[in-house]
Amino acid sequence: MSRVTIQTQDFDLAREVATLRAGDLGVGAVVSFVGTVRDRHGGGAAGDVSALELEHYPGMTERAIEAMIDAAARRFDIRAARVVHRVGAMAPGDQIVLVAVASAHRGEAFSACEFLMDYLKTQAPFWKKETTAAGTRWVDARVADDAALARWGIAAGNAGRAPVETKSA
């Protein structure tokens, strides 16, 4: 099984988790995160998000996420990891990303899963465009995402630069 898949179609959480842990009796914990498209502006206002479109660079995006998984494996005692990220047009409520991590112990799996999600939010080469009643706009990266990554000892400038390790976590 590939560790990284970029696809337009939805994914099945149960199938992905079953595949991740298949045949490995040393897995004692699987932690997963599923992100969904949400209306960031709140119900009923003119700024409501009616659609989200994600773009990426095929090949480059997969390599970047593979490197993220390698970084997680160096930091945490994990047995396997899987990232599925959707691209293309999606609507609020649609699944957009899955990060699943298998480990012998839950603490390592939780930490690695959170690390990977923080890394994805700041370093994965995806571009998001929201559609609202007011029109479409590209979504800027958030300072809060940089702060989440910084707690792992990685500085990010939210400008698509490569991450810089500032200390060991």
N, C-alpha and C. Protein backbone atom coordinates (compact mmCIF):
# COMPACT_ATOMS: atom_id res chain seq x y z
N MET A 1 0.84 -1.18 0.00
CA MET A 1 0.00 0.00 0.00
C MET A 1 0.89 1.25 0.00
N SER A 2 0.54 2.18 -0.82
CA SER A 2 1.23 3.46 -0.86
C SER A 2 0.95 4.24 0.43
N ARG A 3 1.92 5.00 0.89
CA ARG A 3 1.72 5.81 2.09
C ARG A 3 0.97 7.09 1.78
N VAL A 4 1.00 7.53 0.52
CA VAL A 4 0.39 8.80 0.14
C VAL A 4 -0.45 8.61 -1.11
N THR A 5 -1.67 9.11 -1.06
CA THR A 5 -2.53 9.11 -2.24
C THR A 5 -3.18 10.48 -2.36
N ILE A 6 -3.10 11.06 -3.55
CA ILE A 6 -3.80 12.30 -3.88
C ILE A 6 -4.87 11.89 -4.88
N GLN A 7 -6.12 12.24 -4.60
CA GLN A 7 -7.21 11.76 -5.45
C GLN A 7 -8.38 12.74 -5.45
N THR A 8 -9.23 12.63 -6.46
CA THR A 8 -10.43 13.47 -6.52
C THR A 8 -11.60 12.81 -5.79
N GLN A 9 -11.64 11.49 -5.79
CA GLN A 9 -12.78 10.79 -5.19
C GLN A 9 -12.67 10.72 -3.66
N ASP A 10 -13.79 10.50 -3.01
CA ASP A 10 -13.85 10.37 -1.57
C ASP A 10 -13.11 9.11 -1.13
N PHE A 11 -12.84 8.99 0.16
CA PHE A 11 -12.16 7.82 0.71
C PHE A 11 -13.03 7.20 1.79
N ASP A 12 -12.76 5.93 2.08
CA ASP A 12 -13.49 5.17 3.09
C ASP A 12 -12.57 4.97 4.29
N LEU A 13 -12.89 5.62 5.40
CA LEU A 13 -12.05 5.58 6.59
C LEU A 13 -11.82 4.14 7.07
N ALA A 14 -12.88 3.36 7.18
CA ALA A 14 -12.74 1.99 7.68
C ALA A 14 -11.82 1.16 6.79
N ARG A 15 -11.96 1.29 5.49
CA ARG A 15 -11.12 0.54 4.56
C ARG A 15 -9.66 0.97 4.68
N GLU A 16 -9.44 2.28 4.79
CA GLU A 16 -8.07 2.80 4.90
C GLU A 16 -7.40 2.30 6.18
N VAL A 17 -8.11 2.34 7.30
CA VAL A 17 -7.54 1.89 8.58
C VAL A 17 -7.28 0.39 8.55
N ALA A 18 -8.21 -0.37 8.01
CA ALA A 18 -8.02 -1.82 7.93
C ALA A 18 -6.79 -2.17 7.09
N THR A 19 -6.61 -1.46 5.99
CA THR A 19 -5.46 -1.70 5.13
C THR A 19 -4.16 -1.29 5.83
N LEU A 20 -4.19 -0.20 6.58
CA LEU A 20 -3.01 0.29 7.28
C LEU A 20 -2.48 -0.73 8.27
N ARG A 21 -3.38 -1.40 8.96
CA ARG A 21 -2.93 -2.33 10.02
C ARG A 21 -2.93 -3.79 9.60
N ALA A 22 -3.34 -4.07 8.40
CA ALA A 22 -3.43 -5.45 7.91
C ALA A 22 -2.10 -6.18 8.02
N GLY A 23 -2.14 -7.34 8.63
CA GLY A 23 -0.99 -8.21 8.70
C GLY A 23 0.08 -7.81 9.72
N ASP A 24 -0.12 -6.75 10.46
CA ASP A 24 0.87 -6.32 11.45
C ASP A 24 0.29 -6.50 12.84
N LEU A 25 0.61 -7.63 13.48
CA LEU A 25 0.08 -7.92 14.81
C LEU A 25 0.77 -7.13 15.91
N GLY A 26 1.78 -6.34 15.56
CA GLY A 26 2.44 -5.46 16.51
C GLY A 26 1.73 -4.12 16.69
N VAL A 27 0.72 -3.88 15.87
CA VAL A 27 -0.03 -2.63 15.99
C VAL A 27 -0.94 -2.71 17.20
N GLY A 28 -0.73 -1.80 18.13
CA GLY A 28 -1.59 -1.74 19.31
C GLY A 28 -2.52 -0.55 19.28
N ALA A 29 -2.26 0.40 18.37
CA ALA A 29 -3.08 1.60 18.28
C ALA A 29 -3.06 2.13 16.86
N VAL A 30 -4.21 2.60 16.42
CA VAL A 30 -4.33 3.34 15.17
C VAL A 30 -5.06 4.63 15.49
N VAL A 31 -4.45 5.73 15.16
CA VAL A 31 -5.06 7.03 15.35
C VAL A 31 -5.31 7.63 13.98
N SER A 32 -6.50 8.19 13.79
CA SER A 32 -6.79 8.81 12.50
C SER A 32 -7.40 10.19 12.70
N PHE A 33 -7.13 11.02 11.74
CA PHE A 33 -7.72 12.36 11.67
C PHE A 33 -8.37 12.47 10.30
N VAL A 34 -9.63 12.89 10.28
CA VAL A 34 -10.32 13.15 9.03
C VAL A 34 -10.74 14.61 9.03
N GLY A 35 -10.23 15.36 8.08
CA GLY A 35 -10.61 16.76 7.93
C GLY A 35 -11.72 16.87 6.92
N THR A 36 -12.65 17.79 7.19
CA THR A 36 -13.76 18.00 6.27
C THR A 36 -13.79 19.46 5.80
N VAL A 37 -14.38 19.66 4.66
CA VAL A 37 -14.57 21.01 4.15
C VAL A 37 -15.62 21.67 5.03
N ARG A 38 -15.28 22.85 5.52
CA ARG A 38 -16.23 23.54 6.39
C ARG A 38 -16.44 24.95 5.89
N ASP A 39 -17.53 25.52 6.34
CA ASP A 39 -17.80 26.92 6.07
C ASP A 39 -17.09 27.70 7.16
N ARG A 40 -15.94 28.26 6.83
CA ARG A 40 -15.11 28.96 7.82
C ARG A 40 -15.78 30.22 8.35
N HIS A 41 -16.79 30.71 7.68
CA HIS A 41 -17.37 32.01 8.04
C HIS A 41 -18.62 31.91 8.90
N GLY A 42 -19.17 30.72 9.07
CA GLY A 42 -20.34 30.57 9.94
C GLY A 42 -21.65 30.69 9.19
N GLY A 43 -22.64 30.04 9.72
CA GLY A 43 -23.93 29.84 9.05
C GLY A 43 -24.70 31.08 8.63
N GLY A 44 -25.12 31.05 7.39
CA GLY A 44 -26.10 32.00 6.91
C GLY A 44 -25.61 33.33 6.39
N ALA A 45 -24.36 33.66 6.55
CA ALA A 45 -23.86 34.97 6.12
C ALA A 45 -23.50 34.93 4.64
N ALA A 46 -23.34 36.13 4.07
CA ALA A 46 -23.00 36.25 2.65
C ALA A 46 -21.63 35.62 2.36
N GLY A 47 -20.80 35.46 3.37
CA GLY A 47 -19.48 34.88 3.18
C GLY A 47 -19.45 33.38 3.27
N ASP A 48 -20.60 32.72 3.38
CA ASP A 48 -20.63 31.27 3.49
C ASP A 48 -19.91 30.60 2.31
N VAL A 49 -19.16 29.58 2.63
CA VAL A 49 -18.45 28.84 1.60
C VAL A 49 -19.39 27.83 0.97
N SER A 50 -19.56 27.93 -0.34
CA SER A 50 -20.42 26.98 -1.04
C SER A 50 -19.60 25.92 -1.75
N ALA A 51 -18.32 26.20 -1.98
CA ALA A 51 -17.45 25.23 -2.64
C ALA A 51 -16.00 25.53 -2.29
N LEU A 52 -15.19 24.48 -2.35
CA LEU A 52 -13.75 24.60 -2.14
C LEU A 52 -13.08 23.81 -3.24
N GLU A 53 -12.07 24.41 -3.84
CA GLU A 53 -11.32 23.70 -4.88
C GLU A 53 -9.86 23.66 -4.48
N LEU A 54 -9.26 22.47 -4.54
CA LEU A 54 -7.85 22.31 -4.20
C LEU A 54 -7.07 21.95 -5.45
N GLU A 55 -5.90 22.57 -5.58
CA GLU A 55 -4.98 22.26 -6.66
C GLU A 55 -3.66 21.81 -6.05
N HIS A 56 -2.90 21.06 -6.83
CA HIS A 56 -1.58 20.60 -6.39
C HIS A 56 -0.70 20.36 -7.61
N TYR A 57 0.58 20.13 -7.35
CA TYR A 57 1.50 19.74 -8.41
C TYR A 57 1.72 18.24 -8.29
N PRO A 58 1.17 17.46 -9.22
CA PRO A 58 1.35 16.00 -9.16
C PRO A 58 2.82 15.63 -9.12
N GLY A 59 3.12 14.65 -8.31
CA GLY A 59 4.49 14.21 -8.14
C GLY A 59 5.19 14.99 -7.04
N MET A 60 5.23 16.29 -7.15
CA MET A 60 5.86 17.12 -6.12
C MET A 60 5.11 17.02 -4.80
N THR A 61 3.79 17.05 -4.86
CA THR A 61 2.99 16.99 -3.63
C THR A 61 3.18 15.66 -2.93
N GLU A 62 3.15 14.57 -3.68
CA GLU A 62 3.34 13.25 -3.08
C GLU A 62 4.72 13.13 -2.44
N ARG A 63 5.76 13.63 -3.13
CA ARG A 63 7.12 13.57 -2.58
C ARG A 63 7.22 14.38 -1.29
N ALA A 64 6.59 15.54 -1.26
CA ALA A 64 6.63 16.38 -0.05
C ALA A 64 5.96 15.67 1.12
N ILE A 65 4.83 15.03 0.87
CA ILE A 65 4.12 14.34 1.96
C ILE A 65 4.89 13.09 2.39
N GLU A 66 5.51 12.39 1.45
CA GLU A 66 6.37 11.25 1.81
C GLU A 66 7.48 11.71 2.74
N ALA A 67 8.07 12.86 2.46
CA ALA A 67 9.13 13.40 3.32
C ALA A 67 8.59 13.72 4.71
N MET A 68 7.34 14.19 4.77
CA MET A 68 6.70 14.47 6.06
C MET A 68 6.54 13.18 6.87
N ILE A 69 6.14 12.11 6.21
CA ILE A 69 5.98 10.83 6.89
C ILE A 69 7.34 10.32 7.36
N ASP A 70 8.37 10.49 6.56
CA ASP A 70 9.72 10.11 6.97
C ASP A 70 10.13 10.89 8.22
N ALA A 71 9.82 12.19 8.26
CA ALA A 71 10.16 13.02 9.43
C ALA A 71 9.41 12.52 10.66
N ALA A 72 8.15 12.15 10.49
CA ALA A 72 7.36 11.62 11.62
C ALA A 72 7.96 10.31 12.12
N ALA A 73 8.40 9.46 11.20
CA ALA A 73 8.98 8.17 11.58
C ALA A 73 10.30 8.35 12.33
N ARG A 74 11.02 9.42 12.04
CA ARG A 74 12.26 9.70 12.78
C ARG A 74 11.98 10.20 14.20
N ARG A 75 10.85 10.87 14.38
CA ARG A 75 10.50 11.46 15.68
C ARG A 75 9.72 10.52 16.59
N PHE A 76 8.92 9.65 16.00
CA PHE A 76 7.99 8.83 16.77
C PHE A 76 8.16 7.36 16.40
N ASP A 77 7.84 6.50 17.35
CA ASP A 77 7.93 5.05 17.13
C ASP A 77 6.63 4.58 16.49
N ILE A 78 6.55 4.72 15.16
CA ILE A 78 5.35 4.32 14.44
C ILE A 78 5.66 3.14 13.53
N ARG A 79 4.63 2.37 13.26
CA ARG A 79 4.78 1.19 12.42
C ARG A 79 4.33 1.46 10.98
N ALA A 80 3.40 2.39 10.82
CA ALA A 80 2.90 2.72 9.48
C ALA A 80 2.16 4.05 9.55
N ALA A 81 2.07 4.70 8.39
CA ALA A 81 1.30 5.94 8.29
C ALA A 81 0.70 6.01 6.89
N ARG A 82 -0.41 6.69 6.80
CA ARG A 82 -1.12 6.83 5.53
C ARG A 82 -1.73 8.22 5.47
N VAL A 83 -1.54 8.90 4.34
CA VAL A 83 -2.18 10.19 4.10
C VAL A 83 -2.93 10.09 2.78
N VAL A 84 -4.22 10.42 2.84
CA VAL A 84 -5.03 10.53 1.63
C VAL A 84 -5.53 11.96 1.60
N HIS A 85 -5.25 12.66 0.50
CA HIS A 85 -5.68 14.05 0.38
C HIS A 85 -6.43 14.20 -0.92
N ARG A 86 -7.57 14.83 -0.84
CA ARG A 86 -8.38 15.04 -2.03
C ARG A 86 -8.02 16.36 -2.70
N VAL A 87 -8.21 16.41 -4.00
CA VAL A 87 -8.05 17.62 -4.79
C VAL A 87 -9.28 17.76 -5.67
N GLY A 88 -9.42 18.90 -6.30
CA GLY A 88 -10.57 19.15 -7.15
C GLY A 88 -11.64 19.90 -6.38
N ALA A 89 -12.85 19.87 -6.90
CA ALA A 89 -13.98 20.60 -6.31
C ALA A 89 -14.65 19.78 -5.22
N MET A 90 -14.93 20.45 -4.10
CA MET A 90 -15.62 19.81 -2.97
C MET A 90 -16.62 20.79 -2.38
N ALA A 91 -17.57 20.24 -1.62
CA ALA A 91 -18.61 21.05 -0.98
C ALA A 91 -18.46 20.95 0.53
N PRO A 92 -19.02 21.92 1.27
CA PRO A 92 -18.99 21.81 2.73
C PRO A 92 -19.55 20.45 3.18
N GLY A 93 -18.84 19.84 4.15
CA GLY A 93 -19.22 18.53 4.65
C GLY A 93 -18.45 17.39 4.01
N ASP A 94 -17.85 17.63 2.84
CA ASP A 94 -17.07 16.59 2.18
C ASP A 94 -15.78 16.31 2.95
N GLN A 95 -15.35 15.07 2.95
CA GLN A 95 -14.04 14.71 3.50
C GLN A 95 -12.96 15.26 2.58
N ILE A 96 -11.92 15.83 3.18
CA ILE A 96 -10.85 16.41 2.37
C ILE A 96 -9.51 15.73 2.61
N VAL A 97 -9.25 15.28 3.86
CA VAL A 97 -7.94 14.69 4.17
C VAL A 97 -8.07 13.62 5.24
N LEU A 98 -7.25 12.59 5.10
CA LEU A 98 -7.12 11.54 6.11
C LEU A 98 -5.65 11.40 6.46
N VAL A 99 -5.37 11.43 7.74
CA VAL A 99 -4.05 11.07 8.26
C VAL A 99 -4.29 9.93 9.24
N ALA A 100 -3.66 8.79 8.99
CA ALA A 100 -3.80 7.64 9.88
C ALA A 100 -2.41 7.12 10.22
N VAL A 101 -2.22 6.82 11.50
CA VAL A 101 -0.92 6.36 11.98
C VAL A 101 -1.12 5.12 12.85
N ALA A 102 -0.30 4.10 12.61
CA ALA A 102 -0.32 2.87 13.40
C ALA A 102 0.96 2.80 14.21
N SER A 103 0.83 2.39 15.47
CA SER A 103 1.97 2.26 16.37
C SER A 103 1.68 1.15 17.36
N ALA A 104 2.70 0.75 18.08
CA ALA A 104 2.49 -0.23 19.14
C ALA A 104 1.73 0.40 20.31
N HIS A 105 1.89 1.70 20.49
CA HIS A 105 1.29 2.40 21.64
C HIS A 105 0.57 3.66 21.20
N ARG A 106 -0.51 3.99 21.89
CA ARG A 106 -1.37 5.10 21.48
C ARG A 106 -0.68 6.46 21.53
N GLY A 107 0.17 6.69 22.53
CA GLY A 107 0.81 8.00 22.65
C GLY A 107 1.62 8.37 21.43
N GLU A 108 2.39 7.42 20.92
CA GLU A 108 3.20 7.66 19.72
C GLU A 108 2.29 7.89 18.51
N ALA A 109 1.21 7.13 18.42
CA ALA A 109 0.29 7.28 17.28
C ALA A 109 -0.40 8.64 17.32
N PHE A 110 -0.88 9.06 18.52
CA PHE A 110 -1.51 10.37 18.63
C PHE A 110 -0.55 11.48 18.24
N SER A 111 0.66 11.43 18.81
CA SER A 111 1.65 12.48 18.55
C SER A 111 2.02 12.54 17.07
N ALA A 112 2.28 11.39 16.47
CA ALA A 112 2.66 11.36 15.06
C ALA A 112 1.54 11.86 14.16
N CYS A 113 0.31 11.51 14.48
CA CYS A 113 -0.83 11.96 13.69
C CYS A 113 -0.96 13.48 13.76
N GLU A 114 -0.85 14.02 14.96
CA GLU A 114 -0.95 15.47 15.13
C GLU A 114 0.22 16.18 14.43
N PHE A 115 1.42 15.64 14.57
CA PHE A 115 2.59 16.19 13.89
C PHE A 115 2.36 16.23 12.38
N LEU A 116 1.90 15.12 11.81
CA LEU A 116 1.67 15.07 10.37
C LEU A 116 0.61 16.07 9.92
N MET A 117 -0.45 16.21 10.70
CA MET A 117 -1.49 17.17 10.31
C MET A 117 -0.96 18.59 10.39
N ASP A 118 -0.21 18.92 11.43
CA ASP A 118 0.36 20.26 11.53
C ASP A 118 1.31 20.53 10.37
N TYR A 119 2.09 19.53 10.01
CA TYR A 119 3.03 19.64 8.90
C TYR A 119 2.29 19.83 7.59
N LEU A 120 1.22 19.05 7.38
CA LEU A 120 0.43 19.15 6.15
C LEU A 120 -0.16 20.56 5.98
N LYS A 121 -0.65 21.13 7.07
CA LYS A 121 -1.31 22.44 6.99
C LYS A 121 -0.36 23.55 6.55
N THR A 122 0.92 23.39 6.81
CA THR A 122 1.86 24.47 6.49
C THR A 122 2.80 24.16 5.35
N GLN A 123 3.13 22.90 5.13
CA GLN A 123 4.20 22.56 4.19
C GLN A 123 3.77 21.81 2.94
N ALA A 124 2.61 21.21 2.93
CA ALA A 124 2.20 20.46 1.74
C ALA A 124 1.82 21.45 0.63
N PRO A 125 2.28 21.21 -0.58
CA PRO A 125 1.99 22.14 -1.67
C PRO A 125 0.60 21.94 -2.26
N PHE A 126 -0.38 22.51 -1.56
CA PHE A 126 -1.76 22.57 -2.03
C PHE A 126 -2.19 24.03 -2.08
N TRP A 127 -3.08 24.35 -3.01
CA TRP A 127 -3.63 25.69 -3.10
C TRP A 127 -5.14 25.57 -3.05
N LYS A 128 -5.76 26.37 -2.16
CA LYS A 128 -7.20 26.29 -1.91
C LYS A 128 -7.90 27.55 -2.41
N LYS A 129 -9.01 27.33 -3.10
CA LYS A 129 -9.83 28.43 -3.57
C LYS A 129 -11.26 28.23 -3.05
N GLU A 130 -11.79 29.24 -2.35
CA GLU A 130 -13.15 29.19 -1.82
C GLU A 130 -14.10 29.92 -2.75
N THR A 131 -15.31 29.39 -2.84
CA THR A 131 -16.38 30.06 -3.54
C THR A 131 -17.44 30.46 -2.53
N THR A 132 -17.80 31.74 -2.52
CA THR A 132 -18.86 32.26 -1.66
C THR A 132 -19.82 33.07 -2.53
N ALA A 133 -20.87 33.59 -1.91
CA ALA A 133 -21.81 34.44 -2.64
C ALA A 133 -21.12 35.68 -3.18
N ALA A 134 -20.04 36.10 -2.54
CA ALA A 134 -19.28 37.29 -2.97
C ALA A 134 -18.29 36.98 -4.09
N GLY A 135 -18.12 35.72 -4.44
CA GLY A 135 -17.18 35.34 -5.49
C GLY A 135 -16.19 34.30 -5.02
N THR A 136 -15.05 34.18 -5.74
CA THR A 136 -14.03 33.21 -5.38
C THR A 136 -12.78 33.95 -4.91
N ARG A 137 -12.03 33.26 -4.02
CA ARG A 137 -10.77 33.82 -3.56
C ARG A 137 -9.86 32.68 -3.13
N TRP A 138 -8.55 32.92 -3.32
CA TRP A 138 -7.56 31.96 -2.85
C TRP A 138 -7.42 32.13 -1.35
N VAL A 139 -7.33 31.02 -0.63
CA VAL A 139 -7.25 31.04 0.83
C VAL A 139 -5.80 31.21 1.25
N ASP A 140 -5.55 32.21 2.07
CA ASP A 140 -4.21 32.44 2.61
C ASP A 140 -3.94 31.47 3.74
N ALA A 141 -2.68 31.13 3.91
CA ALA A 141 -2.26 30.33 5.06
C ALA A 141 -2.47 31.15 6.33
N ARG A 142 -2.67 30.46 7.43
CA ARG A 142 -2.95 31.13 8.71
C ARG A 142 -1.73 31.10 9.63
N VAL A 143 -1.54 32.18 10.36
CA VAL A 143 -0.45 32.26 11.33
C VAL A 143 -0.61 31.16 12.38
N ALA A 144 -1.84 30.82 12.73
CA ALA A 144 -2.08 29.76 13.73
C ALA A 144 -1.50 28.42 13.26
N ASP A 145 -1.50 28.19 11.96
CA ASP A 145 -0.93 26.94 11.44
C ASP A 145 0.59 26.93 11.63
N ASP A 146 1.23 28.08 11.43
CA ASP A 146 2.68 28.18 11.70
C ASP A 146 2.97 27.93 13.17
N ALA A 147 2.13 28.48 14.04
CA ALA A 147 2.32 28.30 15.49
C ALA A 147 2.20 26.83 15.87
N ALA A 148 1.25 26.12 15.25
CA ALA A 148 1.08 24.69 15.54
C ALA A 148 2.34 23.92 15.14
N LEU A 149 2.92 24.26 14.01
CA LEU A 149 4.13 23.57 13.57
C LEU A 149 5.33 23.96 14.44
N ALA A 150 5.37 25.19 14.91
CA ALA A 150 6.49 25.67 15.72
C ALA A 150 6.63 24.88 17.03
N ARG A 151 5.53 24.38 17.56
CA ARG A 151 5.65 23.63 18.81
C ARG A 151 6.38 22.31 18.64
N TRP A 152 6.57 21.90 17.38
CA TRP A 152 7.37 20.71 17.08
C TRP A 152 8.83 21.08 16.82
N GLY A 153 9.14 22.37 16.95
CA GLY A 153 10.50 22.83 16.72
C GLY A 153 10.80 23.08 15.26
N ILE A 154 9.78 23.36 14.48
CA ILE A 154 9.94 23.61 13.05
C ILE A 154 9.40 24.99 12.74
N ALA A 155 10.24 25.84 12.16
CA ALA A 155 9.82 27.19 11.79
C ALA A 155 9.29 27.16 10.36
N ALA A 156 8.16 27.82 10.16
CA ALA A 156 7.59 27.93 8.82
C ALA A 156 7.13 29.36 8.62
N GLY A 157 7.30 29.86 7.44
CA GLY A 157 6.92 31.24 7.16
C GLY A 157 5.61 31.35 6.41
N ASN A 158 4.89 30.25 6.25
CA ASN A 158 3.63 30.24 5.53
C ASN A 158 3.75 30.81 4.13
N ALA A 159 4.93 30.70 3.56
CA ALA A 159 5.13 31.19 2.21
C ALA A 159 5.58 30.06 1.28
N GLY A 160 5.36 28.84 1.70
CA GLY A 160 5.72 27.70 0.89
C GLY A 160 7.18 27.31 0.94
N ARG A 161 7.92 27.92 1.88
CA ARG A 161 9.34 27.57 2.03
C ARG A 161 9.45 26.17 2.63
N ALA A 162 10.62 25.61 2.47
CA ALA A 162 10.89 24.34 3.13
C ALA A 162 10.97 24.58 4.63
N PRO A 163 10.54 23.62 5.44
CA PRO A 163 10.60 23.80 6.89
C PRO A 163 12.03 23.82 7.40
N VAL A 164 12.22 24.52 8.48
CA VAL A 164 13.54 24.62 9.09
C VAL A 164 13.41 24.11 10.51
N GLU A 165 14.16 23.06 10.86
CA GLU A 165 14.14 22.53 12.21
C GLU A 165 14.91 23.48 13.10
N THR A 166 14.27 23.94 14.20
CA THR A 166 14.92 24.89 15.09
C THR A 166 15.39 24.25 16.37
N LYS A 167 14.83 23.14 16.76
CA LYS A 167 15.24 22.40 17.95
C LYS A 167 14.62 21.02 17.88
N SER A 168 15.09 20.12 18.67
CA SER A 168 14.47 18.80 18.68
C SER A 168 13.32 18.80 19.67
N ALA A 169 12.26 18.09 19.33
CA ALA A 169 11.07 18.05 20.17
C ALA A 169 11.16 16.93 21.17
